[in-house]
């Protein structure tokens, strides 16, 4: 099987999974609307909406930056790359 066919099959599988997810989500909303319709209305109306202030956004960005920096430092420590110097290649001259 060539690569193009594999990519095409994966894209179709991914679309099928997305359709199945949407179907399950809407079935859950329908079932939940019999038990607690107000909550379903709230979930549907708030779906995909996030509210934050500029300060909260700046703070969360700083936290993510710090976590990435710490992760990079830990990886460097694991590989002992913190104090390594670049080796110089020896050149052998043939006479």
PDB file of N, CA and C in Angstrom:
ATOM      1  N   UNK A   1       0.858  -1.175   0.000  1.00  0.00           N
ATOM      2  CA  UNK A   1       0.000   0.000   0.000  1.00  0.00           C
ATOM      3  C   UNK A   1       0.904   1.239   0.000  1.00  0.00           C
ATOM      4  N   UNK A   2       0.639   2.165  -0.879  1.00  0.00           N
ATOM      5  CA  UNK A   2       1.480   3.350  -0.964  1.00  0.00           C
ATOM      6  C   UNK A   2       1.082   4.395   0.079  1.00  0.00           C
ATOM      7  N   UNK A   3       1.932   5.401   0.241  1.00  0.00           N
ATOM      8  CA  UNK A   3       1.739   6.408   1.290  1.00  0.00           C
ATOM      9  C   UNK A   3       0.489   7.247   1.070  1.00  0.00           C
ATOM     10  N   UNK A   4       0.178   7.554  -0.168  1.00  0.00           N
ATOM     11  CA  UNK A   4      -0.992   8.389  -0.454  1.00  0.00           C
ATOM     12  C   UNK A   4      -2.272   7.673  -0.033  1.00  0.00           C
ATOM     13  N   UNK A   5      -2.344   6.387  -0.294  1.00  0.00           N
ATOM     14  CA  UNK A   5      -3.520   5.609   0.103  1.00  0.00           C
ATOM     15  C   UNK A   5      -3.634   5.546   1.621  1.00  0.00           C
ATOM     16  N   UNK A   6      -2.509   5.403   2.304  1.00  0.00           N
ATOM     17  CA  UNK A   6      -2.518   5.368   3.766  1.00  0.00           C
ATOM     18  C   UNK A   6      -3.025   6.691   4.342  1.00  0.00           C
ATOM     19  N   UNK A   7      -2.564   7.798   3.788  1.00  0.00           N
ATOM     20  CA  UNK A   7      -3.012   9.114   4.272  1.00  0.00           C
ATOM     21  C   UNK A   7      -4.499   9.282   4.007  1.00  0.00           C
ATOM     22  N   UNK A   8      -4.952   8.899   2.822  1.00  0.00           N
ATOM     23  CA  UNK A   8      -6.367   9.005   2.478  1.00  0.00           C
ATOM     24  C   UNK A   8      -7.220   8.169   3.425  1.00  0.00           C
ATOM     25  N   UNK A   9      -6.760   6.937   3.722  1.00  0.00           N
ATOM     26  CA  UNK A   9      -7.503   6.066   4.641  1.00  0.00           C
ATOM     27  C   UNK A   9      -7.534   6.662   6.045  1.00  0.00           C
ATOM     28  N   UNK A  10      -6.404   7.242   6.484  1.00  0.00           N
ATOM     29  CA  UNK A  10      -6.364   7.846   7.810  1.00  0.00           C
ATOM     30  C   UNK A  10      -7.323   9.034   7.897  1.00  0.00           C
ATOM     31  N   UNK A  11      -7.333   9.873   6.873  1.00  0.00           N
ATOM     32  CA  UNK A  11      -8.238  11.027   6.873  1.00  0.00           C
ATOM     33  C   UNK A  11      -9.691  10.570   6.946  1.00  0.00           C
ATOM     34  N   UNK A  12     -10.046   9.520   6.206  1.00  0.00           N
ATOM     35  CA  UNK A  12     -11.414   8.997   6.253  1.00  0.00           C
ATOM     36  C   UNK A  12     -11.737   8.412   7.626  1.00  0.00           C
ATOM     37  N   UNK A  13     -10.779   7.678   8.216  1.00  0.00           N
ATOM     38  CA  UNK A  13     -10.982   7.115   9.546  1.00  0.00           C
ATOM     39  C   UNK A  13     -11.169   8.237  10.568  1.00  0.00           C
ATOM     40  N   UNK A  14     -10.345   9.290  10.456  1.00  0.00           N
ATOM     41  CA  UNK A  14     -10.441  10.421  11.379  1.00  0.00           C
ATOM     42  C   UNK A  14     -11.802  11.106  11.255  1.00  0.00           C
ATOM     43  N   UNK A  15     -12.285  11.276  10.035  1.00  0.00           N
ATOM     44  CA  UNK A  15     -13.609  11.891   9.839  1.00  0.00           C
ATOM     45  C   UNK A  15     -14.701  11.000  10.432  1.00  0.00           C
ATOM     46  N   UNK A  16     -14.575   9.683  10.279  1.00  0.00           N
ATOM     47  CA  UNK A  16     -15.552   8.764  10.875  1.00  0.00           C
ATOM     48  C   UNK A  16     -15.547   8.865  12.396  1.00  0.00           C
ATOM     49  N   UNK A  17     -14.365   8.968  12.993  1.00  0.00           N
ATOM     50  CA  UNK A  17     -14.259   9.093  14.447  1.00  0.00           C
ATOM     51  C   UNK A  17     -14.889  10.399  14.919  1.00  0.00           C
ATOM     52  N   UNK A  18     -14.669  11.469  14.177  1.00  0.00           N
ATOM     53  CA  UNK A  18     -15.257  12.753  14.529  1.00  0.00           C
ATOM     54  C   UNK A  18     -16.784  12.699  14.448  1.00  0.00           C
ATOM     55  N   UNK A  19     -17.297  12.046  13.403  1.00  0.00           N
ATOM     56  CA  UNK A  19     -18.753  11.899  13.274  1.00  0.00           C
ATOM     57  C   UNK A  19     -19.321  11.074  14.427  1.00  0.00           C
ATOM     58  N   UNK A  20     -18.626  10.015  14.801  1.00  0.00           N
ATOM     59  CA  UNK A  20     -19.092   9.156  15.901  1.00  0.00           C
ATOM     60  C   UNK A  20     -19.082   9.926  17.220  1.00  0.00           C
ATOM     61  N   UNK A  21     -18.059  10.766  17.431  1.00  0.00           N
ATOM     62  CA  UNK A  21     -17.986  11.591  18.632  1.00  0.00           C
ATOM     63  C   UNK A  21     -19.164  12.564  18.696  1.00  0.00           C
ATOM     64  N   UNK A  22     -19.433  13.239  17.587  1.00  0.00           N
ATOM     65  CA  UNK A  22     -20.552  14.189  17.549  1.00  0.00           C
ATOM     66  C   UNK A  22     -21.880  13.488  17.804  1.00  0.00           C
ATOM     67  N   UNK A  23     -22.063  12.297  17.227  1.00  0.00           N
ATOM     68  CA  UNK A  23     -23.293  11.540  17.444  1.00  0.00           C
ATOM     69  C   UNK A  23     -23.452  11.173  18.921  1.00  0.00           C
ATOM     70  N   UNK A  24     -22.372  10.693  19.537  1.00  0.00           N
ATOM     71  CA  UNK A  24     -22.424  10.327  20.958  1.00  0.00           C
ATOM     72  C   UNK A  24     -22.703  11.545  21.828  1.00  0.00           C
ATOM     73  N   UNK A  25     -22.088  12.680  21.489  1.00  0.00           N
ATOM     74  CA  UNK A  25     -22.288  13.904  22.266  1.00  0.00           C
ATOM     75  C   UNK A  25     -23.748  14.345  22.196  1.00  0.00           C
ATOM     76  N   UNK A  26     -24.308  14.332  21.010  1.00  0.00           N
ATOM     77  CA  UNK A  26     -25.696  14.769  20.869  1.00  0.00           C
ATOM     78  C   UNK A  26     -26.670  13.773  21.498  1.00  0.00           C
ATOM     79  N   UNK A  27     -26.331  12.489  21.462  1.00  0.00           N
ATOM     80  CA  UNK A  27     -27.165  11.505  22.167  1.00  0.00           C
ATOM     81  C   UNK A  27     -27.130  11.752  23.668  1.00  0.00           C
ATOM     82  N   UNK A  28     -25.969  12.107  24.192  1.00  0.00           N
ATOM     83  CA  UNK A  28     -25.856  12.411  25.622  1.00  0.00           C
ATOM     84  C   UNK A  28     -26.665  13.654  25.972  1.00  0.00           C
ATOM     85  N   UNK A  29     -26.629  14.676  25.111  1.00  0.00           N
ATOM     86  CA  UNK A  29     -27.443  15.872  25.346  1.00  0.00           C
ATOM     87  C   UNK A  29     -28.930  15.529  25.353  1.00  0.00           C
ATOM     88  N   UNK A  30     -29.337  14.679  24.404  1.00  0.00           N
ATOM     89  CA  UNK A  30     -30.748  14.313  24.325  1.00  0.00           C
ATOM     90  C   UNK A  30     -31.182  13.549  25.569  1.00  0.00           C
ATOM     91  N   UNK A  31     -30.377  12.588  25.993  1.00  0.00           N
ATOM     92  CA  UNK A  31     -30.704  11.813  27.186  1.00  0.00           C
ATOM     93  C   UNK A  31     -30.701  12.706  28.427  1.00  0.00           C
ATOM     94  N   UNK A  32     -29.706  13.583  28.531  1.00  0.00           N
ATOM     95  CA  UNK A  32     -29.615  14.470  29.685  1.00  0.00           C
ATOM     96  C   UNK A  32     -30.726  15.495  29.739  1.00  0.00           C
ATOM     97  N   UNK A  33     -31.295  15.837  28.584  1.00  0.00           N
ATOM     98  CA  UNK A  33     -32.349  16.848  28.584  1.00  0.00           C
ATOM     99  C   UNK A  33     -33.620  16.356  29.274  1.00  0.00           C
ATOM    100  N   UNK A  34     -33.804  15.035  29.387  1.00  0.00           N
ATOM    101  CA  UNK A  34     -34.952  14.503  30.112  1.00  0.00           C
ATOM    102  C   UNK A  34     -34.757  14.623  31.619  1.00  0.00           C
ATOM    103  N   UNK A  35     -33.493  14.556  32.060  1.00  0.00           N
ATOM    104  CA  UNK A  35     -33.192  14.586  33.487  1.00  0.00           C
ATOM    105  C   UNK A  35     -33.003  16.009  33.987  1.00  0.00           C
ATOM    106  N   UNK A  36     -32.187  16.800  33.265  1.00  0.00           N
ATOM    107  CA  UNK A  36     -31.865  18.158  33.705  1.00  0.00           C
ATOM    108  C   UNK A  36     -31.756  19.076  32.476  1.00  0.00           C
ATOM    109  N   UNK A  37     -32.873  19.549  31.961  1.00  0.00           N
ATOM    110  CA  UNK A  37     -32.840  20.363  30.738  1.00  0.00           C
ATOM    111  C   UNK A  37     -32.100  21.687  30.888  1.00  0.00           C
ATOM    112  N   UNK A  38     -32.124  22.270  32.093  1.00  0.00           N
ATOM    113  CA  UNK A  38     -31.428  23.540  32.285  1.00  0.00           C
ATOM    114  C   UNK A  38     -29.917  23.377  32.108  1.00  0.00           C
ATOM    115  N   UNK A  39     -29.381  22.277  32.626  1.00  0.00           N
ATOM    116  CA  UNK A  39     -27.947  22.041  32.511  1.00  0.00           C
ATOM    117  C   UNK A  39     -27.553  21.806  31.055  1.00  0.00           C
ATOM    118  N   UNK A  40     -28.385  21.088  30.313  1.00  0.00           N
ATOM    119  CA  UNK A  40     -28.081  20.852  28.901  1.00  0.00           C
ATOM    120  C   UNK A  40     -28.094  22.166  28.131  1.00  0.00           C
ATOM    121  N   UNK A  41     -29.054  23.023  28.421  1.00  0.00           N
ATOM    122  CA  UNK A  41     -29.094  24.330  27.765  1.00  0.00           C
ATOM    123  C   UNK A  41     -27.837  25.136  28.079  1.00  0.00           C
ATOM    124  N   UNK A  42     -27.389  25.055  29.324  1.00  0.00           N
ATOM    125  CA  UNK A  42     -26.181  25.774  29.717  1.00  0.00           C
ATOM    126  C   UNK A  42     -24.959  25.212  28.996  1.00  0.00           C
ATOM    127  N   UNK A  43     -24.852  23.880  28.913  1.00  0.00           N
ATOM    128  CA  UNK A  43     -23.722  23.257  28.224  1.00  0.00           C
ATOM    129  C   UNK A  43     -23.702  23.609  26.748  1.00  0.00           C
ATOM    130  N   UNK A  44     -24.856  23.570  26.119  1.00  0.00           N
ATOM    131  CA  UNK A  44     -24.922  23.845  24.683  1.00  0.00           C
ATOM    132  C   UNK A  44     -24.618  25.312  24.402  1.00  0.00           C
ATOM    133  N   UNK A  45     -25.107  26.219  25.239  1.00  0.00           N
ATOM    134  CA  UNK A  45     -24.879  27.638  24.991  1.00  0.00           C
ATOM    135  C   UNK A  45     -23.448  28.065  25.318  1.00  0.00           C
ATOM    136  N   UNK A  46     -22.786  27.389  26.277  1.00  0.00           N
ATOM    137  CA  UNK A  46     -21.431  27.754  26.669  1.00  0.00           C
ATOM    138  C   UNK A  46     -20.366  26.937  25.953  1.00  0.00           C
ATOM    139  N   UNK A  47     -20.756  26.084  25.046  1.00  0.00           N
ATOM    140  CA  UNK A  47     -19.806  25.172  24.415  1.00  0.00           C
ATOM    141  C   UNK A  47     -18.757  25.942  23.612  1.00  0.00           C
ATOM    142  N   UNK A  48     -17.481  25.697  23.936  1.00  0.00           N
ATOM    143  CA  UNK A  48     -16.383  26.301  23.207  1.00  0.00           C
ATOM    144  C   UNK A  48     -16.083  27.740  23.556  1.00  0.00           C
ATOM    145  N   UNK A  49     -16.685  28.274  24.599  1.00  0.00           N
ATOM    146  CA  UNK A  49     -16.452  29.664  24.975  1.00  0.00           C
ATOM    147  C   UNK A  49     -15.597  29.712  26.234  1.00  0.00           C
ATOM    148  N   UNK A  50     -14.534  30.492  26.171  1.00  0.00           N
ATOM    149  CA  UNK A  50     -13.664  30.681  27.325  1.00  0.00           C
ATOM    150  C   UNK A  50     -13.557  32.175  27.588  1.00  0.00           C
ATOM    151  N   UNK A  51     -13.659  32.541  28.836  1.00  0.00           N
ATOM    152  CA  UNK A  51     -13.592  33.947  29.203  1.00  0.00           C
ATOM    153  C   UNK A  51     -12.419  34.122  30.160  1.00  0.00           C
ATOM    154  N   UNK A  52     -11.539  35.094  29.838  1.00  0.00           N
ATOM    155  CA  UNK A  52     -10.442  35.411  30.744  1.00  0.00           C
ATOM    156  C   UNK A  52     -10.060  36.869  30.543  1.00  0.00           C
ATOM    157  N   UNK A  53      -9.457  37.421  31.561  1.00  0.00           N
ATOM    158  CA  UNK A  53      -8.994  38.802  31.482  1.00  0.00           C
ATOM    159  C   UNK A  53      -7.580  38.813  30.921  1.00  0.00           C
ATOM    160  N   UNK A  54      -7.087  39.990  30.596  1.00  0.00           N
ATOM    161  CA  UNK A  54      -5.717  40.118  30.085  1.00  0.00           C
ATOM    162  C   UNK A  54      -4.701  39.645  31.127  1.00  0.00           C
ATOM    163  N   UNK A  55      -4.966  39.960  32.397  1.00  0.00           N
ATOM    164  CA  UNK A  55      -4.043  39.572  33.455  1.00  0.00           C
ATOM    165  C   UNK A  55      -3.975  38.049  33.597  1.00  0.00           C
ATOM    166  N   UNK A  56      -5.139  37.398  33.547  1.00  0.00           N
ATOM    167  CA  UNK A  56      -5.168  35.936  33.636  1.00  0.00           C
ATOM    168  C   UNK A  56      -4.444  35.302  32.455  1.00  0.00           C
ATOM    169  N   UNK A  57      -4.646  35.867  31.262  1.00  0.00           N
ATOM    170  CA  UNK A  57      -3.982  35.345  30.075  1.00  0.00           C
ATOM    171  C   UNK A  57      -2.477  35.506  30.189  1.00  0.00           C
ATOM    172  N   UNK A  58      -2.007  36.679  30.607  1.00  0.00           N
ATOM    173  CA  UNK A  58      -0.568  36.915  30.775  1.00  0.00           C
ATOM    174  C   UNK A  58       0.030  35.984  31.817  1.00  0.00           C
ATOM    175  N   UNK A  59      -0.701  35.768  32.909  1.00  0.00           N
ATOM    176  CA  UNK A  59      -0.215  34.882  33.963  1.00  0.00           C
ATOM    177  C   UNK A  59      -0.105  33.447  33.466  1.00  0.00           C
ATOM    178  N   UNK A  60      -1.114  32.969  32.748  1.00  0.00           N
ATOM    179  CA  UNK A  60      -1.065  31.588  32.249  1.00  0.00           C
ATOM    180  C   UNK A  60       0.026  31.428  31.192  1.00  0.00           C
ATOM    181  N   UNK A  61       0.251  32.457  30.381  1.00  0.00           N
ATOM    182  CA  UNK A  61       1.324  32.408  29.388  1.00  0.00           C
ATOM    183  C   UNK A  61       2.681  32.324  30.074  1.00  0.00           C
ATOM    184  N   UNK A  62       2.856  33.116  31.139  1.00  0.00           N
ATOM    185  CA  UNK A  62       4.120  33.089  31.883  1.00  0.00           C
ATOM    186  C   UNK A  62       4.349  31.711  32.517  1.00  0.00           C
ATOM    187  N   UNK A  63       3.302  31.119  33.068  1.00  0.00           N
ATOM    188  CA  UNK A  63       3.418  29.788  33.679  1.00  0.00           C
ATOM    189  C   UNK A  63       3.843  28.757  32.639  1.00  0.00           C
ATOM    190  N   UNK A  64       3.220  28.796  31.461  1.00  0.00           N
ATOM    191  CA  UNK A  64       3.579  27.841  30.410  1.00  0.00           C
ATOM    192  C   UNK A  64       5.019  28.055  29.949  1.00  0.00           C
ATOM    193  N   UNK A  65       5.441  29.305  29.835  1.00  0.00           N
ATOM    194  CA  UNK A  65       6.815  29.598  29.435  1.00  0.00           C
ATOM    195  C   UNK A  65       7.785  29.039  30.467  1.00  0.00           C
ATOM    196  N   UNK A  66       7.499  29.250  31.746  1.00  0.00           N
ATOM    197  CA  UNK A  66       8.365  28.746  32.810  1.00  0.00           C
ATOM    198  C   UNK A  66       8.416  27.226  32.808  1.00  0.00           C
ATOM    199  N   UNK A  67       7.276  26.571  32.596  1.00  0.00           N
ATOM    200  CA  UNK A  67       7.266  25.100  32.552  1.00  0.00           C
ATOM    201  C   UNK A  67       8.088  24.577  31.386  1.00  0.00           C
ATOM    202  N   UNK A  68       8.001  25.215  30.239  1.00  0.00           N
ATOM    203  CA  UNK A  68       8.798  24.792  29.086  1.00  0.00           C
ATOM    204  C   UNK A  68      10.276  24.981  29.343  1.00  0.00           C
ATOM    205  N   UNK A  69      10.642  26.083  29.993  1.00  0.00           N
ATOM    206  CA  UNK A  69      12.045  26.339  30.294  1.00  0.00           C
ATOM    207  C   UNK A  69      12.579  25.286  31.264  1.00  0.00           C
ATOM    208  N   UNK A  70      11.792  24.965  32.293  1.00  0.00           N
ATOM    209  CA  UNK A  70      12.207  23.948  33.268  1.00  0.00           C
ATOM    210  C   UNK A  70      12.359  22.601  32.584  1.00  0.00           C
ATOM    211  N   UNK A  71      11.441  22.269  31.700  1.00  0.00           N
ATOM    212  CA  UNK A  71      11.504  20.998  30.983  1.00  0.00           C
ATOM    213  C   UNK A  71      12.779  20.927  30.151  1.00  0.00           C
ATOM    214  N   UNK A  72      13.125  22.027  29.457  1.00  0.00           N
ATOM    215  CA  UNK A  72      14.337  22.048  28.651  1.00  0.00           C
ATOM    216  C   UNK A  72      15.575  21.877  29.530  1.00  0.00           C
ATOM    217  N   UNK A  73      15.595  22.524  30.698  1.00  0.00           N
ATOM    218  CA  UNK A  73      16.741  22.394  31.598  1.00  0.00           C
ATOM    219  C   UNK A  73      16.878  20.964  32.100  1.00  0.00           C
ATOM    220  N   UNK A  74      15.737  20.313  32.414  1.00  0.00           N
ATOM    221  CA  UNK A  74      15.784  18.928  32.884  1.00  0.00           C
ATOM    222  C   UNK A  74      16.302  18.006  31.798  1.00  0.00           C
ATOM    223  N   UNK A  75      15.908  18.234  30.554  1.00  0.00           N
ATOM    224  CA  UNK A  75      16.397  17.402  29.459  1.00  0.00           C
ATOM    225  C   UNK A  75      17.892  17.601  29.262  1.00  0.00           C
ATOM    226  N   UNK A  76      18.361  18.838  29.384  1.00  0.00           N
ATOM    227  CA  UNK A  76      19.791  19.090  29.255  1.00  0.00           C
ATOM    228  C   UNK A  76      20.565  18.388  30.364  1.00  0.00           C
ATOM    229  N   UNK A  77      20.011  18.400  31.576  1.00  0.00           N
ATOM    230  CA  UNK A  77      20.679  17.726  32.687  1.00  0.00           C
ATOM    231  C   UNK A  77      20.736  16.223  32.454  1.00  0.00           C
ATOM    232  N   UNK A  78      19.647  15.654  31.928  1.00  0.00           N
ATOM    233  CA  UNK A  78      19.625  14.223  31.652  1.00  0.00           C
ATOM    234  C   UNK A  78      20.695  13.844  30.634  1.00  0.00           C
ATOM    235  N   UNK A  79      20.909  14.687  29.657  1.00  0.00           N
ATOM    236  CA  UNK A  79      21.874  14.391  28.602  1.00  0.00           C
ATOM    237  C   UNK A  79      23.273  14.912  28.924  1.00  0.00           C
ATOM    238  N   UNK A  80      23.440  15.520  30.101  1.00  0.00           N
ATOM    239  CA  UNK A  80      24.716  16.108  30.517  1.00  0.00           C
ATOM    240  C   UNK A  80      25.230  17.105  29.497  1.00  0.00           C
ATOM    241  N   UNK A  81      24.354  17.957  29.006  1.00  0.00           N
ATOM    242  CA  UNK A  81      24.741  18.940  28.007  1.00  0.00           C
ATOM    243  C   UNK A  81      24.960  20.322  28.596  1.00  0.00           C
ATOM    244  N   UNK A  82      24.891  20.449  29.914  1.00  0.00           N
ATOM    245  CA  UNK A  82      24.965  21.784  30.503  1.00  0.00           C
ATOM    246  C   UNK A  82      26.365  22.372  30.406  1.00  0.00           C
ATOM    247  N   UNK A  83      27.389  21.581  30.644  1.00  0.00           N
ATOM    248  CA  UNK A  83      28.737  22.144  30.661  1.00  0.00           C
ATOM    249  C   UNK A  83      29.642  21.579  29.597  1.00  0.00           C
ATOM    250  N   UNK A  84      29.096  20.915  28.611  1.00  0.00           N
ATOM    251  CA  UNK A  84      29.937  20.304  27.584  1.00  0.00           C
ATOM    252  C   UNK A  84      30.471  21.359  26.618  1.00  0.00           C
ATOM    253  N   UNK A  85      31.713  21.149  26.245  1.00  0.00           N
ATOM    254  CA  UNK A  85      32.305  22.011  25.234  1.00  0.00           C
ATOM    255  C   UNK A  85      32.343  21.234  23.919  1.00  0.00           C
ATOM    256  N   UNK A  86      32.313  21.964  22.853  1.00  0.00           N
ATOM    257  CA  UNK A  86      32.354  21.328  21.553  1.00  0.00           C
ATOM    258  C   UNK A  86      33.754  20.794  21.287  1.00  0.00           C
ATOM    259  N   UNK A  87      33.825  19.559  20.832  1.00  0.00           N
ATOM    260  CA  UNK A  87      35.119  18.952  20.541  1.00  0.00           C
ATOM    261  C   UNK A  87      35.684  19.510  19.250  1.00  0.00           C
ATOM    262  N   UNK A  88      36.982  19.609  19.254  1.00  0.00           N
ATOM    263  CA  UNK A  88      37.660  20.008  18.028  1.00  0.00           C
ATOM    264  C   UNK A  88      38.103  18.747  17.311  1.00  0.00           C
ATOM    265  N   UNK A  89      37.901  18.720  16.030  1.00  0.00           N
ATOM    266  CA  UNK A  89      38.318  17.565  15.249  1.00  0.00           C
ATOM    267  C   UNK A  89      39.805  17.644  14.983  1.00  0.00           C
ATOM    268  N   UNK A  90      40.436  16.492  15.071  1.00  0.00           N
ATOM    269  CA  UNK A  90      41.861  16.416  14.752  1.00  0.00           C
ATOM    270  C   UNK A  90      41.988  16.151  13.261  1.00  0.00           C
ATOM    271  N   UNK A  91      42.831  16.877  12.661  1.00  0.00           N
ATOM    272  CA  UNK A  91      43.063  16.696  11.240  1.00  0.00           C
ATOM    273  C   UNK A  91      44.397  15.983  11.081  1.00  0.00           C
ATOM    274  N   UNK A  92      44.376  14.861  10.397  1.00  0.00           N
ATOM    275  CA  UNK A  92      45.582  14.119  10.134  1.00  0.00           C
ATOM    276  C   UNK A  92      46.091  14.496   8.749  1.00  0.00           C
ATOM    277  N   UNK A  93      47.301  14.921   8.711  1.00  0.00           N
ATOM    278  CA  UNK A  93      47.903  15.302   7.428  1.00  0.00           C
ATOM    279  C   UNK A  93      48.714  14.131   6.897  1.00  0.00           C
ATOM    280  N   UNK A  94      48.444  13.774   5.689  1.00  0.00           N
ATOM    281  CA  UNK A  94      49.207  12.695   5.058  1.00  0.00           C
ATOM    282  C   UNK A  94      50.388  13.307   4.339  1.00  0.00           C
ATOM    283  N   UNK A  95      51.530  12.660   4.496  1.00  0.00           N
ATOM    284  CA  UNK A  95      52.731  13.186   3.847  1.00  0.00           C
ATOM    285  C   UNK A  95      52.965  12.547   2.525  1.00  0.00           C
TER     286      UNK A  95
END
